[in-house]
Every structure is written in C-alpha cells, then in structure tokens.
Amino acid sequence: MMWFSFLYVDLIPLGSFFIFFGQCFYYWIDKYNLIRRSSFNYTLSGSLSRKMVRLLDLTLVWRFLGALIFDIQLRNHVNRATLSLLIVSVVFVLLPW
C-alpha cells in the first residue's frame, strides 16, 4: 500500500503525511488485534516445528530452481550466478542432514 501511495506524492505532497499517520494507526490496530484478540489454545509438537524449519530451508532451493527454469525456458541460456546459487543452496540444505 505504501509504495502505491508514494507513487502520487509529487501530485499530492500533503498525502505523504496522511499516509504516515494512517500507517501508524494501522500498525497499532493490528498490534492490538494480535495481542489482545487472538489466542491459540493448542501446543505445537516438536516434530511439526522441525518439519516447518526443514521446509523453510527448502525455499532457498525452490527459489533458485525456479529462476533456473525461468532462464532456460524464456532466455534460452543458463545464468552462471543462478546455477552457482542453486548449488550453494542445495549444499546448505543437505549439509545439516
């Protein structure tokens, strides 16, 4: 929302102040809702936590694998930086296992 509103800051200079105060107000409302109105009555198991961390680590591999597929299909060449980062991310994920 903020990037869209700062797009028009040259047209409406006073709008940046309204955006700032609106963002502060929105922050405090979200903070109140998260702290006071939301509750979680169940506990998470340790195995679920480990699975979530493992899947979070795999996002590195999927990001660079997607970039590699994008390079091959649309650009018809492989970028060396993408390939090297894919290899580093695979090593990073497989090293703790």
Foldseek 3Di string as FASTA:
>chain_A
DVVVQVVCCVVPVCVVVVVVVVVVVVVVVVVCCVPPPDDDDDDDDPVVVVVVVLVVLCVQLVVLVVVQVCCCVPVVDGDPVSVVSNVVSVCVSPVVD
